[in-house]
């Protein structure tokens, strides 16, 4: 099964719709030195709806369900990770700026859990 087919099968199984609209071209991540396509993405199912920005890869400016789902697959792990552990795990200094990043990651993880709660193992399998 292709990567895209894996992602589509997961969306079908979870009753989730995926939409991505190119929002702008600019800097997305802290430290970006090159601009990239930035998309407004919405994932929605009977459990939850989640809208967020997605910065496309520099060499492939597309935004597919596969791209998004593989990036979100690790997000649930942030929910149980304290700020100190987050900084240690990813090599960040314990600054206010990084505390804000940690809070955003925790919020993302919470949204992913709300969307796919009992199907998180299936989400991890998309690769």
PDB file of N, CA and C in Angstrom:
ATOM      1  N   UNK A   1       0.846  -1.177   0.000  1.00  0.00           N
ATOM      2  CA  UNK A   1       0.000   0.000   0.000  1.00  0.00           C
ATOM      3  C   UNK A   1       0.893   1.242   0.000  1.00  0.00           C
ATOM      4  N   UNK A   2       0.561   2.235  -0.811  1.00  0.00           N
ATOM      5  CA  UNK A   2       1.354   3.457  -0.865  1.00  0.00           C
ATOM      6  C   UNK A   2       1.139   4.289   0.391  1.00  0.00           C
ATOM      7  N   UNK A   3       2.032   5.236   0.612  1.00  0.00           N
ATOM      8  CA  UNK A   3       1.909   6.117   1.770  1.00  0.00           C
ATOM      9  C   UNK A   3       0.585   6.874   1.746  1.00  0.00           C
ATOM     10  N   UNK A   4       0.258   7.419   0.590  1.00  0.00           N
ATOM     11  CA  UNK A   4      -0.987   8.178   0.471  1.00  0.00           C
ATOM     12  C   UNK A   4      -2.203   7.287   0.731  1.00  0.00           C
ATOM     13  N   UNK A   5      -2.139   6.046   0.249  1.00  0.00           N
ATOM     14  CA  UNK A   5      -3.248   5.106   0.463  1.00  0.00           C
ATOM     15  C   UNK A   5      -3.385   4.763   1.944  1.00  0.00           C
ATOM     16  N   UNK A   6      -2.266   4.630   2.653  1.00  0.00           N
ATOM     17  CA  UNK A   6      -2.309   4.375   4.099  1.00  0.00           C
ATOM     18  C   UNK A   6      -3.021   5.521   4.812  1.00  0.00           C
ATOM     19  N   UNK A   7      -2.670   6.734   4.445  1.00  0.00           N
ATOM     20  CA  UNK A   7      -3.281   7.898   5.075  1.00  0.00           C
ATOM     21  C   UNK A   7      -4.776   7.950   4.775  1.00  0.00           C
ATOM     22  N   UNK A   8      -5.139   7.703   3.525  1.00  0.00           N
ATOM     23  CA  UNK A   8      -6.557   7.746   3.158  1.00  0.00           C
ATOM     24  C   UNK A   8      -7.347   6.644   3.867  1.00  0.00           C
ATOM     25  N   UNK A   9      -6.767   5.468   4.000  1.00  0.00           N
ATOM     26  CA  UNK A   9      -7.438   4.371   4.700  1.00  0.00           C
ATOM     27  C   UNK A   9      -7.664   4.747   6.168  1.00  0.00           C
ATOM     28  N   UNK A  10      -6.696   5.401   6.778  1.00  0.00           N
ATOM     29  CA  UNK A  10      -6.847   5.838   8.165  1.00  0.00           C
ATOM     30  C   UNK A  10      -7.964   6.867   8.291  1.00  0.00           C
ATOM     31  N   UNK A  11      -8.002   7.839   7.379  1.00  0.00           N
ATOM     32  CA  UNK A  11      -9.058   8.845   7.411  1.00  0.00           C
ATOM     33  C   UNK A  11     -10.429   8.202   7.250  1.00  0.00           C
ATOM     34  N   UNK A  12     -10.525   7.240   6.351  1.00  0.00           N
ATOM     35  CA  UNK A  12     -11.795   6.542   6.139  1.00  0.00           C
ATOM     36  C   UNK A  12     -12.201   5.779   7.394  1.00  0.00           C
ATOM     37  N   UNK A  13     -11.260   5.045   7.970  1.00  0.00           N
ATOM     38  CA  UNK A  13     -11.545   4.247   9.173  1.00  0.00           C
ATOM     39  C   UNK A  13     -12.045   5.118  10.325  1.00  0.00           C
ATOM     40  N   UNK A  14     -11.467   6.310  10.462  1.00  0.00           N
ATOM     41  CA  UNK A  14     -11.820   7.190  11.575  1.00  0.00           C
ATOM     42  C   UNK A  14     -12.938   8.175  11.222  1.00  0.00           C
ATOM     43  N   UNK A  15     -13.429   8.106   9.987  1.00  0.00           N
ATOM     44  CA  UNK A  15     -14.493   9.016   9.560  1.00  0.00           C
ATOM     45  C   UNK A  15     -14.048  10.465   9.567  1.00  0.00           C
ATOM     46  N   UNK A  16     -12.798  10.687   9.231  1.00  0.00           N
ATOM     47  CA  UNK A  16     -12.205  12.021   9.304  1.00  0.00           C
ATOM     48  C   UNK A  16     -12.093  12.649   7.922  1.00  0.00           C
ATOM     49  N   UNK A  17     -12.479  13.911   7.837  1.00  0.00           N
ATOM     50  CA  UNK A  17     -12.256  14.661   6.603  1.00  0.00           C
ATOM     51  C   UNK A  17     -10.977  15.468   6.764  1.00  0.00           C
ATOM     52  N   UNK A  18     -10.307  15.675   5.653  1.00  0.00           N
ATOM     53  CA  UNK A  18      -9.044  16.417   5.609  1.00  0.00           C
ATOM     54  C   UNK A  18      -9.179  17.518   4.570  1.00  0.00           C
ATOM     55  N   UNK A  19      -8.840  18.729   4.947  1.00  0.00           N
ATOM     56  CA  UNK A  19      -8.769  19.802   3.958  1.00  0.00           C
ATOM     57  C   UNK A  19      -7.527  20.631   4.235  1.00  0.00           C
ATOM     58  N   UNK A  20      -6.895  21.078   3.162  1.00  0.00           N
ATOM     59  CA  UNK A  20      -5.701  21.912   3.269  1.00  0.00           C
ATOM     60  C   UNK A  20      -5.773  22.985   2.196  1.00  0.00           C
ATOM     61  N   UNK A  21      -5.625  24.224   2.621  1.00  0.00           N
ATOM     62  CA  UNK A  21      -5.651  25.359   1.714  1.00  0.00           C
ATOM     63  C   UNK A  21      -4.377  26.153   1.912  1.00  0.00           C
ATOM     64  N   UNK A  22      -3.691  26.447   0.802  1.00  0.00           N
ATOM     65  CA  UNK A  22      -2.461  27.234   0.918  1.00  0.00           C
ATOM     66  C   UNK A  22      -2.828  28.625   1.410  1.00  0.00           C
ATOM     67  N   UNK A  23      -2.230  29.008   2.522  1.00  0.00           N
ATOM     68  CA  UNK A  23      -2.545  30.273   3.174  1.00  0.00           C
ATOM     69  C   UNK A  23      -1.571  31.374   2.764  1.00  0.00           C
ATOM     70  N   UNK A  24      -0.290  31.012   2.730  1.00  0.00           N
ATOM     71  CA  UNK A  24       0.718  32.025   2.399  1.00  0.00           C
ATOM     72  C   UNK A  24       2.071  31.363   2.153  1.00  0.00           C
ATOM     73  N   UNK A  25       3.034  32.168   1.759  1.00  0.00           N
ATOM     74  CA  UNK A  25       4.410  31.740   1.565  1.00  0.00           C
ATOM     75  C   UNK A  25       5.244  32.592   2.507  1.00  0.00           C
ATOM     76  N   UNK A  26       5.928  31.938   3.458  1.00  0.00           N
ATOM     77  CA  UNK A  26       6.693  32.717   4.421  1.00  0.00           C
ATOM     78  C   UNK A  26       7.482  31.838   5.361  1.00  0.00           C
ATOM     79  N   UNK A  27       7.978  32.439   6.434  1.00  0.00           N
ATOM     80  CA  UNK A  27       8.719  31.713   7.454  1.00  0.00           C
ATOM     81  C   UNK A  27       7.710  31.075   8.398  1.00  0.00           C
ATOM     82  N   UNK A  28       7.909  29.812   8.688  1.00  0.00           N
ATOM     83  CA  UNK A  28       6.951  29.095   9.533  1.00  0.00           C
ATOM     84  C   UNK A  28       7.536  28.725  10.890  1.00  0.00           C
ATOM     85  N   UNK A  29       8.716  28.141  10.897  1.00  0.00           N
ATOM     86  CA  UNK A  29       9.339  27.686  12.136  1.00  0.00           C
ATOM     87  C   UNK A  29      10.349  28.710  12.633  1.00  0.00           C
ATOM     88  N   UNK A  30      10.528  28.785  13.959  1.00  0.00           N
ATOM     89  CA  UNK A  30      11.598  29.611  14.503  1.00  0.00           C
ATOM     90  C   UNK A  30      12.903  29.151  13.884  1.00  0.00           C
ATOM     91  N   UNK A  31      13.697  30.089  13.441  1.00  0.00           N
ATOM     92  CA  UNK A  31      14.987  29.741  12.863  1.00  0.00           C
ATOM     93  C   UNK A  31      14.940  29.470  11.370  1.00  0.00           C
ATOM     94  N   UNK A  32      13.751  29.499  10.757  1.00  0.00           N
ATOM     95  CA  UNK A  32      13.689  29.316   9.301  1.00  0.00           C
ATOM     96  C   UNK A  32      14.529  30.388   8.618  1.00  0.00           C
ATOM     97  N   UNK A  33      15.314  29.978   7.636  1.00  0.00           N
ATOM     98  CA  UNK A  33      16.085  30.931   6.830  1.00  0.00           C
ATOM     99  C   UNK A  33      15.554  30.980   5.404  1.00  0.00           C
ATOM    100  N   UNK A  34      14.665  30.053   5.082  1.00  0.00           N
ATOM    101  CA  UNK A  34      14.022  30.030   3.773  1.00  0.00           C
ATOM    102  C   UNK A  34      12.510  30.003   3.972  1.00  0.00           C
ATOM    103  N   UNK A  35      11.822  30.657   3.061  1.00  0.00           N
ATOM    104  CA  UNK A  35      10.371  30.673   3.123  1.00  0.00           C
ATOM    105  C   UNK A  35       9.822  29.356   2.586  1.00  0.00           C
ATOM    106  N   UNK A  36       8.612  29.033   3.023  1.00  0.00           N
ATOM    107  CA  UNK A  36       7.955  27.800   2.610  1.00  0.00           C
ATOM    108  C   UNK A  36       6.463  28.054   2.453  1.00  0.00           C
ATOM    109  N   UNK A  37       5.772  27.140   1.791  1.00  0.00           N
ATOM    110  CA  UNK A  37       4.316  27.213   1.696  1.00  0.00           C
ATOM    111  C   UNK A  37       3.730  26.857   3.053  1.00  0.00           C
ATOM    112  N   UNK A  38       2.770  27.662   3.495  1.00  0.00           N
ATOM    113  CA  UNK A  38       2.104  27.439   4.771  1.00  0.00           C
ATOM    114  C   UNK A  38       0.627  27.236   4.482  1.00  0.00           C
ATOM    115  N   UNK A  39       0.095  26.146   5.013  1.00  0.00           N
ATOM    116  CA  UNK A  39      -1.279  25.745   4.742  1.00  0.00           C
ATOM    117  C   UNK A  39      -2.131  25.867   5.992  1.00  0.00           C
ATOM    118  N   UNK A  40      -3.402  26.125   5.789  1.00  0.00           N
ATOM    119  CA  UNK A  40      -4.408  26.038   6.849  1.00  0.00           C
ATOM    120  C   UNK A  40      -5.035  24.662   6.680  1.00  0.00           C
ATOM    121  N   UNK A  41      -4.894  23.796   7.680  1.00  0.00           N
ATOM    122  CA  UNK A  41      -5.357  22.414   7.617  1.00  0.00           C
ATOM    123  C   UNK A  41      -6.489  22.220   8.620  1.00  0.00           C
ATOM    124  N   UNK A  42      -7.508  21.481   8.196  1.00  0.00           N
ATOM    125  CA  UNK A  42      -8.586  21.098   9.098  1.00  0.00           C
ATOM    126  C   UNK A  42      -8.797  19.597   9.019  1.00  0.00           C
ATOM    127  N   UNK A  43      -8.793  18.962  10.173  1.00  0.00           N
ATOM    128  CA  UNK A  43      -9.167  17.559  10.326  1.00  0.00           C
ATOM    129  C   UNK A  43     -10.447  17.552  11.152  1.00  0.00           C
ATOM    130  N   UNK A  44     -11.447  16.818  10.685  1.00  0.00           N
ATOM    131  CA  UNK A  44     -12.729  16.846  11.373  1.00  0.00           C
ATOM    132  C   UNK A  44     -13.403  15.487  11.306  1.00  0.00           C
ATOM    133  N   UNK A  45     -13.938  15.064  12.451  1.00  0.00           N
ATOM    134  CA  UNK A  45     -14.742  13.835  12.497  1.00  0.00           C
ATOM    135  C   UNK A  45     -15.824  14.020  13.556  1.00  0.00           C
ATOM    136  N   UNK A  46     -16.566  12.979  13.834  1.00  0.00           N
ATOM    137  CA  UNK A  46     -17.666  13.074  14.797  1.00  0.00           C
ATOM    138  C   UNK A  46     -17.170  13.384  16.213  1.00  0.00           C
ATOM    139  N   UNK A  47     -15.912  13.061  16.496  1.00  0.00           N
ATOM    140  CA  UNK A  47     -15.349  13.279  17.826  1.00  0.00           C
ATOM    141  C   UNK A  47     -14.878  14.710  18.057  1.00  0.00           C
ATOM    142  N   UNK A  48     -14.297  15.341  16.998  1.00  0.00           N
ATOM    143  CA  UNK A  48     -13.607  16.622  17.189  1.00  0.00           C
ATOM    144  C   UNK A  48     -13.276  17.244  15.839  1.00  0.00           C
ATOM    145  N   UNK A  49     -12.981  18.538  15.861  1.00  0.00           N
ATOM    146  CA  UNK A  49     -12.482  19.245  14.683  1.00  0.00           C
ATOM    147  C   UNK A  49     -11.270  20.060  15.121  1.00  0.00           C
ATOM    148  N   UNK A  50     -10.238  20.043  14.311  1.00  0.00           N
ATOM    149  CA  UNK A  50      -8.983  20.707  14.664  1.00  0.00           C
ATOM    150  C   UNK A  50      -8.444  21.415  13.435  1.00  0.00           C
ATOM    151  N   UNK A  51      -8.238  22.739  13.551  1.00  0.00           N
ATOM    152  CA  UNK A  51      -7.684  23.545  12.473  1.00  0.00           C
ATOM    153  C   UNK A  51      -6.367  24.128  12.946  1.00  0.00           C
ATOM    154  N   UNK A  52      -5.353  24.062  12.089  1.00  0.00           N
ATOM    155  CA  UNK A  52      -4.013  24.506  12.459  1.00  0.00           C
ATOM    156  C   UNK A  52      -3.217  24.847  11.212  1.00  0.00           C
ATOM    157  N   UNK A  53      -2.051  25.461  11.413  1.00  0.00           N
ATOM    158  CA  UNK A  53      -1.145  25.766  10.309  1.00  0.00           C
ATOM    159  C   UNK A  53      -0.161  24.614  10.124  1.00  0.00           C
ATOM    160  N   UNK A  54       0.181  24.377   8.870  1.00  0.00           N
ATOM    161  CA  UNK A  54       1.144  23.337   8.529  1.00  0.00           C
ATOM    162  C   UNK A  54       2.167  23.928   7.574  1.00  0.00           C
ATOM    163  N   UNK A  55       3.433  23.878   7.969  1.00  0.00           N
ATOM    164  CA  UNK A  55       4.516  24.361   7.110  1.00  0.00           C
ATOM    165  C   UNK A  55       5.037  23.222   6.253  1.00  0.00           C
ATOM    166  N   UNK A  56       4.898  23.363   4.944  1.00  0.00           N
ATOM    167  CA  UNK A  56       5.325  22.305   4.022  1.00  0.00           C
ATOM    168  C   UNK A  56       6.849  22.195   3.992  1.00  0.00           C
ATOM    169  N   UNK A  57       7.312  21.047   3.540  1.00  0.00           N
ATOM    170  CA  UNK A  57       8.746  20.839   3.372  1.00  0.00           C
ATOM    171  C   UNK A  57       9.270  21.820   2.320  1.00  0.00           C
ATOM    172  N   UNK A  58      10.509  22.241   2.469  1.00  0.00           N
ATOM    173  CA  UNK A  58      11.086  23.195   1.526  1.00  0.00           C
ATOM    174  C   UNK A  58      11.208  22.608   0.119  1.00  0.00           C
ATOM    175  N   UNK A  59      11.568  21.330   0.026  1.00  0.00           N
ATOM    176  CA  UNK A  59      11.794  20.714  -1.281  1.00  0.00           C
ATOM    177  C   UNK A  59      10.527  20.159  -1.909  1.00  0.00           C
ATOM    178  N   UNK A  60       9.453  20.054  -1.132  1.00  0.00           N
ATOM    179  CA  UNK A  60       8.177  19.553  -1.654  1.00  0.00           C
ATOM    180  C   UNK A  60       7.067  20.398  -1.035  1.00  0.00           C
ATOM    181  N   UNK A  61       6.655  21.441  -1.735  1.00  0.00           N
ATOM    182  CA  UNK A  61       5.705  22.393  -1.140  1.00  0.00           C
ATOM    183  C   UNK A  61       4.247  21.927  -1.107  1.00  0.00           C
ATOM    184  N   UNK A  62       4.026  20.623  -1.153  1.00  0.00           N
ATOM    185  CA  UNK A  62       2.652  20.128  -1.105  1.00  0.00           C
ATOM    186  C   UNK A  62       2.229  19.888   0.345  1.00  0.00           C
ATOM    187  N   UNK A  63       0.971  19.600   0.513  1.00  0.00           N
ATOM    188  CA  UNK A  63       0.421  19.305   1.842  1.00  0.00           C
ATOM    189  C   UNK A  63      -0.633  18.227   1.657  1.00  0.00           C
ATOM    190  N   UNK A  64      -0.231  16.986   1.856  1.00  0.00           N
ATOM    191  CA  UNK A  64      -1.147  15.859   1.692  1.00  0.00           C
ATOM    192  C   UNK A  64      -1.559  15.336   3.065  1.00  0.00           C
ATOM    193  N   UNK A  65      -2.597  14.516   3.078  1.00  0.00           N
ATOM    194  CA  UNK A  65      -3.018  13.892   4.334  1.00  0.00           C
ATOM    195  C   UNK A  65      -1.865  13.096   4.931  1.00  0.00           C
ATOM    196  N   UNK A  66      -1.110  12.418   4.093  1.00  0.00           N
ATOM    197  CA  UNK A  66       0.039  11.647   4.585  1.00  0.00           C
ATOM    198  C   UNK A  66       1.041  12.566   5.290  1.00  0.00           C
ATOM    199  N   UNK A  67       1.389  13.688   4.649  1.00  0.00           N
ATOM    200  CA  UNK A  67       2.349  14.629   5.242  1.00  0.00           C
ATOM    201  C   UNK A  67       1.906  15.064   6.633  1.00  0.00           C
ATOM    202  N   UNK A  68       0.643  15.424   6.738  1.00  0.00           N
ATOM    203  CA  UNK A  68       0.109  15.941   7.998  1.00  0.00           C
ATOM    204  C   UNK A  68       0.021  14.851   9.059  1.00  0.00           C
ATOM    205  N   UNK A  69      -0.544  13.714   8.703  1.00  0.00           N
ATOM    206  CA  UNK A  69      -0.736  12.641   9.690  1.00  0.00           C
ATOM    207  C   UNK A  69       0.587  12.119  10.233  1.00  0.00           C
ATOM    208  N   UNK A  70       1.602  11.994   9.382  1.00  0.00           N
ATOM    209  CA  UNK A  70       2.892  11.517   9.896  1.00  0.00           C
ATOM    210  C   UNK A  70       3.510  12.539  10.840  1.00  0.00           C
ATOM    211  N   UNK A  71       3.290  13.818  10.582  1.00  0.00           N
ATOM    212  CA  UNK A  71       3.814  14.839  11.493  1.00  0.00           C
ATOM    213  C   UNK A  71       3.066  14.850  12.819  1.00  0.00           C
ATOM    214  N   UNK A  72       1.784  14.533  12.793  1.00  0.00           N
ATOM    215  CA  UNK A  72       0.986  14.541  14.016  1.00  0.00           C
ATOM    216  C   UNK A  72       1.116  13.265  14.842  1.00  0.00           C
ATOM    217  N   UNK A  73       1.666  12.222  14.266  1.00  0.00           N
ATOM    218  CA  UNK A  73       1.657  10.921  14.944  1.00  0.00           C
ATOM    219  C   UNK A  73       2.403  10.921  16.282  1.00  0.00           C
ATOM    220  N   UNK A  74       3.384  11.763  16.447  1.00  0.00           N
ATOM    221  CA  UNK A  74       4.113  11.810  17.707  1.00  0.00           C
ATOM    222  C   UNK A  74       3.527  12.774  18.730  1.00  0.00           C
ATOM    223  N   UNK A  75       2.574  13.578  18.298  1.00  0.00           N
ATOM    224  CA  UNK A  75       2.031  14.631  19.149  1.00  0.00           C
ATOM    225  C   UNK A  75       1.400  14.150  20.459  1.00  0.00           C
ATOM    226  N   UNK A  76       0.694  13.017  20.476  1.00  0.00           N
ATOM    227  CA  UNK A  76       0.099  12.600  21.756  1.00  0.00           C
ATOM    228  C   UNK A  76       1.116  12.399  22.880  1.00  0.00           C
ATOM    229  N   UNK A  77       2.355  12.119  22.544  1.00  0.00           N
ATOM    230  CA  UNK A  77       3.366  11.908  23.585  1.00  0.00           C
ATOM    231  C   UNK A  77       3.675  13.189  24.351  1.00  0.00           C
ATOM    232  N   UNK A  78       3.405  14.357  23.762  1.00  0.00           N
ATOM    233  CA  UNK A  78       3.683  15.627  24.438  1.00  0.00           C
ATOM    234  C   UNK A  78       2.762  15.865  25.621  1.00  0.00           C
ATOM    235  N   UNK A  79       1.567  15.291  25.583  1.00  0.00           N
ATOM    236  CA  UNK A  79       0.555  15.560  26.600  1.00  0.00           C
ATOM    237  C   UNK A  79       1.045  15.193  28.001  1.00  0.00           C
ATOM    238  N   UNK A  80       1.759  14.105  28.123  1.00  0.00           N
ATOM    239  CA  UNK A  80       2.249  13.647  29.428  1.00  0.00           C
ATOM    240  C   UNK A  80       3.680  14.091  29.721  1.00  0.00           C
ATOM    241  N   UNK A  81       4.237  14.931  28.873  1.00  0.00           N
ATOM    242  CA  UNK A  81       5.628  15.347  29.017  1.00  0.00           C
ATOM    243  C   UNK A  81       5.682  16.727  29.682  1.00  0.00           C
ATOM    244  N   UNK A  82       6.344  16.800  30.794  1.00  0.00           N
ATOM    245  CA  UNK A  82       6.519  18.089  31.456  1.00  0.00           C
ATOM    246  C   UNK A  82       7.502  18.962  30.699  1.00  0.00           C
ATOM    247  N   UNK A  83       7.540  20.245  31.051  1.00  0.00           N
ATOM    248  CA  UNK A  83       8.408  21.197  30.348  1.00  0.00           C
ATOM    249  C   UNK A  83       9.880  20.802  30.439  1.00  0.00           C
ATOM    250  N   UNK A  84      10.348  20.407  31.609  1.00  0.00           N
ATOM    251  CA  UNK A  84      11.748  20.008  31.764  1.00  0.00           C
ATOM    252  C   UNK A  84      12.079  18.825  30.855  1.00  0.00           C
ATOM    253  N   UNK A  85      11.227  17.815  30.857  1.00  0.00           N
ATOM    254  CA  UNK A  85      11.456  16.629  30.024  1.00  0.00           C
ATOM    255  C   UNK A  85      11.415  16.969  28.540  1.00  0.00           C
ATOM    256  N   UNK A  86      10.511  17.864  28.163  1.00  0.00           N
ATOM    257  CA  UNK A  86      10.415  18.318  26.772  1.00  0.00           C
ATOM    258  C   UNK A  86      11.732  18.961  26.342  1.00  0.00           C
ATOM    259  N   UNK A  87      12.248  19.859  27.169  1.00  0.00           N
ATOM    260  CA  UNK A  87      13.514  20.537  26.845  1.00  0.00           C
ATOM    261  C   UNK A  87      14.664  19.547  26.769  1.00  0.00           C
ATOM    262  N   UNK A  88      14.704  18.629  27.710  1.00  0.00           N
ATOM    263  CA  UNK A  88      15.763  17.627  27.729  1.00  0.00           C
ATOM    264  C   UNK A  88      15.691  16.736  26.487  1.00  0.00           C
ATOM    265  N   UNK A  89      14.493  16.276  26.167  1.00  0.00           N
ATOM    266  CA  UNK A  89      14.288  15.360  25.030  1.00  0.00           C
ATOM    267  C   UNK A  89      14.691  15.987  23.697  1.00  0.00           C
ATOM    268  N   UNK A  90      14.398  17.276  23.522  1.00  0.00           N
ATOM    269  CA  UNK A  90      14.620  17.909  22.229  1.00  0.00           C
ATOM    270  C   UNK A  90      15.773  18.908  22.219  1.00  0.00           C
ATOM    271  N   UNK A  91      16.497  19.006  23.318  1.00  0.00           N
ATOM    272  CA  UNK A  91      17.682  19.855  23.369  1.00  0.00           C
ATOM    273  C   UNK A  91      17.399  21.347  23.450  1.00  0.00           C
ATOM    274  N   UNK A  92      16.258  21.723  24.026  1.00  0.00           N
ATOM    275  CA  UNK A  92      15.903  23.134  24.163  1.00  0.00           C
ATOM    276  C   UNK A  92      16.373  23.683  25.503  1.00  0.00           C
ATOM    277  N   UNK A  93      16.674  24.979  25.521  1.00  0.00           N
ATOM    278  CA  UNK A  93      16.937  25.680  26.775  1.00  0.00           C
ATOM    279  C   UNK A  93      15.601  25.933  27.455  1.00  0.00           C
ATOM    280  N   UNK A  94      15.636  26.051  28.766  1.00  0.00           N
ATOM    281  CA  UNK A  94      14.400  26.300  29.518  1.00  0.00           C
ATOM    282  C   UNK A  94      14.114  27.802  29.560  1.00  0.00           C
ATOM    283  N   UNK A  95      13.667  28.325  28.417  1.00  0.00           N
ATOM    284  CA  UNK A  95      13.345  29.747  28.294  1.00  0.00           C
ATOM    285  C   UNK A  95      11.839  29.916  28.131  1.00  0.00           C
ATOM    286  N   UNK A  96      11.380  31.145  28.318  1.00  0.00           N
ATOM    287  CA  UNK A  96       9.945  31.440  28.158  1.00  0.00           C
ATOM    288  C   UNK A  96       9.497  31.126  26.729  1.00  0.00           C
ATOM    289  N   UNK A  97      10.347  31.401  25.755  1.00  0.00           N
ATOM    290  CA  UNK A  97      10.016  31.124  24.350  1.00  0.00           C
ATOM    291  C   UNK A  97       9.785  29.623  24.141  1.00  0.00           C
ATOM    292  N   UNK A  98      10.639  28.817  24.725  1.00  0.00           N
ATOM    293  CA  UNK A  98      10.486  27.366  24.573  1.00  0.00           C
ATOM    294  C   UNK A  98       9.342  26.825  25.427  1.00  0.00           C
ATOM    295  N   UNK A  99       9.021  27.507  26.506  1.00  0.00           N
ATOM    296  CA  UNK A  99       7.861  27.096  27.300  1.00  0.00           C
ATOM    297  C   UNK A  99       6.584  27.305  26.481  1.00  0.00           C
ATOM    298  N   UNK A 100       6.538  28.376  25.712  1.00  0.00           N
ATOM    299  CA  UNK A 100       5.400  28.618  24.831  1.00  0.00           C
ATOM    300  C   UNK A 100       5.313  27.526  23.760  1.00  0.00           C
ATOM    301  N   UNK A 101       6.463  27.139  23.203  1.00  0.00           N
ATOM    302  CA  UNK A 101       6.497  26.055  22.215  1.00  0.00           C
ATOM    303  C   UNK A 101       5.976  24.762  22.837  1.00  0.00           C
ATOM    304  N   UNK A 102       6.421  24.437  24.037  1.00  0.00           N
ATOM    305  CA  UNK A 102       5.952  23.237  24.745  1.00  0.00           C
ATOM    306  C   UNK A 102       4.436  23.268  24.927  1.00  0.00           C
ATOM    307  N   UNK A 103       3.908  24.413  25.347  1.00  0.00           N
ATOM    308  CA  UNK A 103       2.456  24.540  25.538  1.00  0.00           C
ATOM    309  C   UNK A 103       1.704  24.304  24.233  1.00  0.00           C
ATOM    310  N   UNK A 104       2.230  24.829  23.124  1.00  0.00           N
ATOM    311  CA  UNK A 104       1.595  24.611  21.817  1.00  0.00           C
ATOM    312  C   UNK A 104       1.650  23.132  21.432  1.00  0.00           C
ATOM    313  N   UNK A 105       2.756  22.466  21.730  1.00  0.00           N
ATOM    314  CA  UNK A 105       2.885  21.037  21.426  1.00  0.00           C
ATOM    315  C   UNK A 105       1.906  20.203  22.259  1.00  0.00           C
ATOM    316  N   UNK A 106       1.760  20.556  23.529  1.00  0.00           N
ATOM    317  CA  UNK A 106       0.809  19.851  24.393  1.00  0.00           C
ATOM    318  C   UNK A 106      -0.605  20.038  23.856  1.00  0.00           C
ATOM    319  N   UNK A 107      -0.947  21.257  23.464  1.00  0.00           N
ATOM    320  CA  UNK A 107      -2.284  21.530  22.918  1.00  0.00           C
ATOM    321  C   UNK A 107      -2.516  20.724  21.639  1.00  0.00           C
ATOM    322  N   UNK A 108      -1.502  20.646  20.787  1.00  0.00           N
ATOM    323  CA  UNK A 108      -1.618  19.848  19.569  1.00  0.00           C
ATOM    324  C   UNK A 108      -1.864  18.381  19.924  1.00  0.00           C
ATOM    325  N   UNK A 109      -1.107  17.864  20.870  1.00  0.00           N
ATOM    326  CA  UNK A 109      -1.292  16.478  21.300  1.00  0.00           C
ATOM    327  C   UNK A 109      -2.683  16.215  21.827  1.00  0.00           C
ATOM    328  N   UNK A 110      -3.211  17.157  22.595  1.00  0.00           N
ATOM    329  CA  UNK A 110      -4.570  17.013  23.124  1.00  0.00           C
ATOM    330  C   UNK A 110      -5.592  16.965  21.991  1.00  0.00           C
ATOM    331  N   UNK A 111      -5.396  17.791  20.979  1.00  0.00           N
ATOM    332  CA  UNK A 111      -6.308  17.790  19.833  1.00  0.00           C
ATOM    333  C   UNK A 111      -6.229  16.487  19.045  1.00  0.00           C
ATOM    334  N   UNK A 112      -5.046  15.949  18.874  1.00  0.00           N
ATOM    335  CA  UNK A 112      -4.879  14.678  18.167  1.00  0.00           C
ATOM    336  C   UNK A 112      -5.569  13.551  18.936  1.00  0.00           C
ATOM    337  N   UNK A 113      -5.421  13.558  20.256  1.00  0.00           N
ATOM    338  CA  UNK A 113      -6.085  12.540  21.079  1.00  0.00           C
ATOM    339  C   UNK A 113      -7.603  12.670  20.968  1.00  0.00           C
ATOM    340  N   UNK A 114      -8.118  13.892  20.993  1.00  0.00           N
ATOM    341  CA  UNK A 114      -9.562  14.095  20.843  1.00  0.00           C
ATOM    342  C   UNK A 114     -10.057  13.572  19.497  1.00  0.00           C
ATOM    343  N   UNK A 115      -9.280  13.776  18.451  1.00  0.00           N
ATOM    344  CA  UNK A 115      -9.670  13.320  17.112  1.00  0.00           C
ATOM    345  C   UNK A 115      -9.627  11.803  16.974  1.00  0.00           C
ATOM    346  N   UNK A 116      -8.543  11.201  17.430  1.00  0.00           N
ATOM    347  CA  UNK A 116      -8.267   9.805  17.087  1.00  0.00           C
ATOM    348  C   UNK A 116      -8.119   8.887  18.294  1.00  0.00           C
ATOM    349  N   UNK A 117      -8.538   9.317  19.463  1.00  0.00           N
ATOM    350  CA  UNK A 117      -8.356   8.613  20.726  1.00  0.00           C
ATOM    351  C   UNK A 117      -8.127   7.124  20.685  1.00  0.00           C
ATOM    352  N   UNK A 118      -9.093   6.348  20.241  1.00  0.00           N
ATOM    353  CA  UNK A 118      -8.945   4.895  20.264  1.00  0.00           C
ATOM    354  C   UNK A 118      -8.259   4.343  19.018  1.00  0.00           C
ATOM    355  N   UNK A 119      -7.791   5.216  18.135  1.00  0.00           N
ATOM    356  CA  UNK A 119      -7.107   4.765  16.906  1.00  0.00           C
ATOM    357  C   UNK A 119      -5.678   5.293  16.824  1.00  0.00           C
ATOM    358  N   UNK A 120      -5.098   5.692  17.954  1.00  0.00           N
ATOM    359  CA  UNK A 120      -3.751   6.250  17.924  1.00  0.00           C
ATOM    360  C   UNK A 120      -2.719   5.242  17.426  1.00  0.00           C
ATOM    361  N   UNK A 121      -2.890   3.977  17.783  1.00  0.00           N
ATOM    362  CA  UNK A 121      -1.944   2.947  17.296  1.00  0.00           C
ATOM    363  C   UNK A 121      -1.963   2.893  15.765  1.00  0.00           C
ATOM    364  N   UNK A 122      -3.141   3.007  15.175  1.00  0.00           N
ATOM    365  CA  UNK A 122      -3.252   3.016  13.717  1.00  0.00           C
ATOM    366  C   UNK A 122      -2.570   4.248  13.120  1.00  0.00           C
ATOM    367  N   UNK A 123      -2.669   5.381  13.813  1.00  0.00           N
ATOM    368  CA  UNK A 123      -2.006   6.595  13.358  1.00  0.00           C
ATOM    369  C   UNK A 123      -0.495   6.403  13.331  1.00  0.00           C
ATOM    370  N   UNK A 124       0.048   5.753  14.370  1.00  0.00           N
ATOM    371  CA  UNK A 124       1.491   5.512  14.437  1.00  0.00           C
ATOM    372  C   UNK A 124       1.981   4.623  13.299  1.00  0.00           C
ATOM    373  N   UNK A 125       1.094   3.784  12.769  1.00  0.00           N
ATOM    374  CA  UNK A 125       1.461   2.835  11.724  1.00  0.00           C
ATOM    375  C   UNK A 125       1.615   3.476  10.339  1.00  0.00           C
ATOM    376  N   UNK A 126       1.127   4.695  10.175  1.00  0.00           N
ATOM    377  CA  UNK A 126       1.250   5.376   8.875  1.00  0.00           C
ATOM    378  C   UNK A 126       2.697   5.799   8.722  1.00  0.00           C
ATOM    379  N   UNK A 127       3.380   5.198   7.763  1.00  0.00           N
ATOM    380  CA  UNK A 127       4.799   5.516   7.554  1.00  0.00           C
ATOM    381  C   UNK A 127       5.263   5.260   6.163  1.00  0.00           C
TER     382      UNK A 127
END
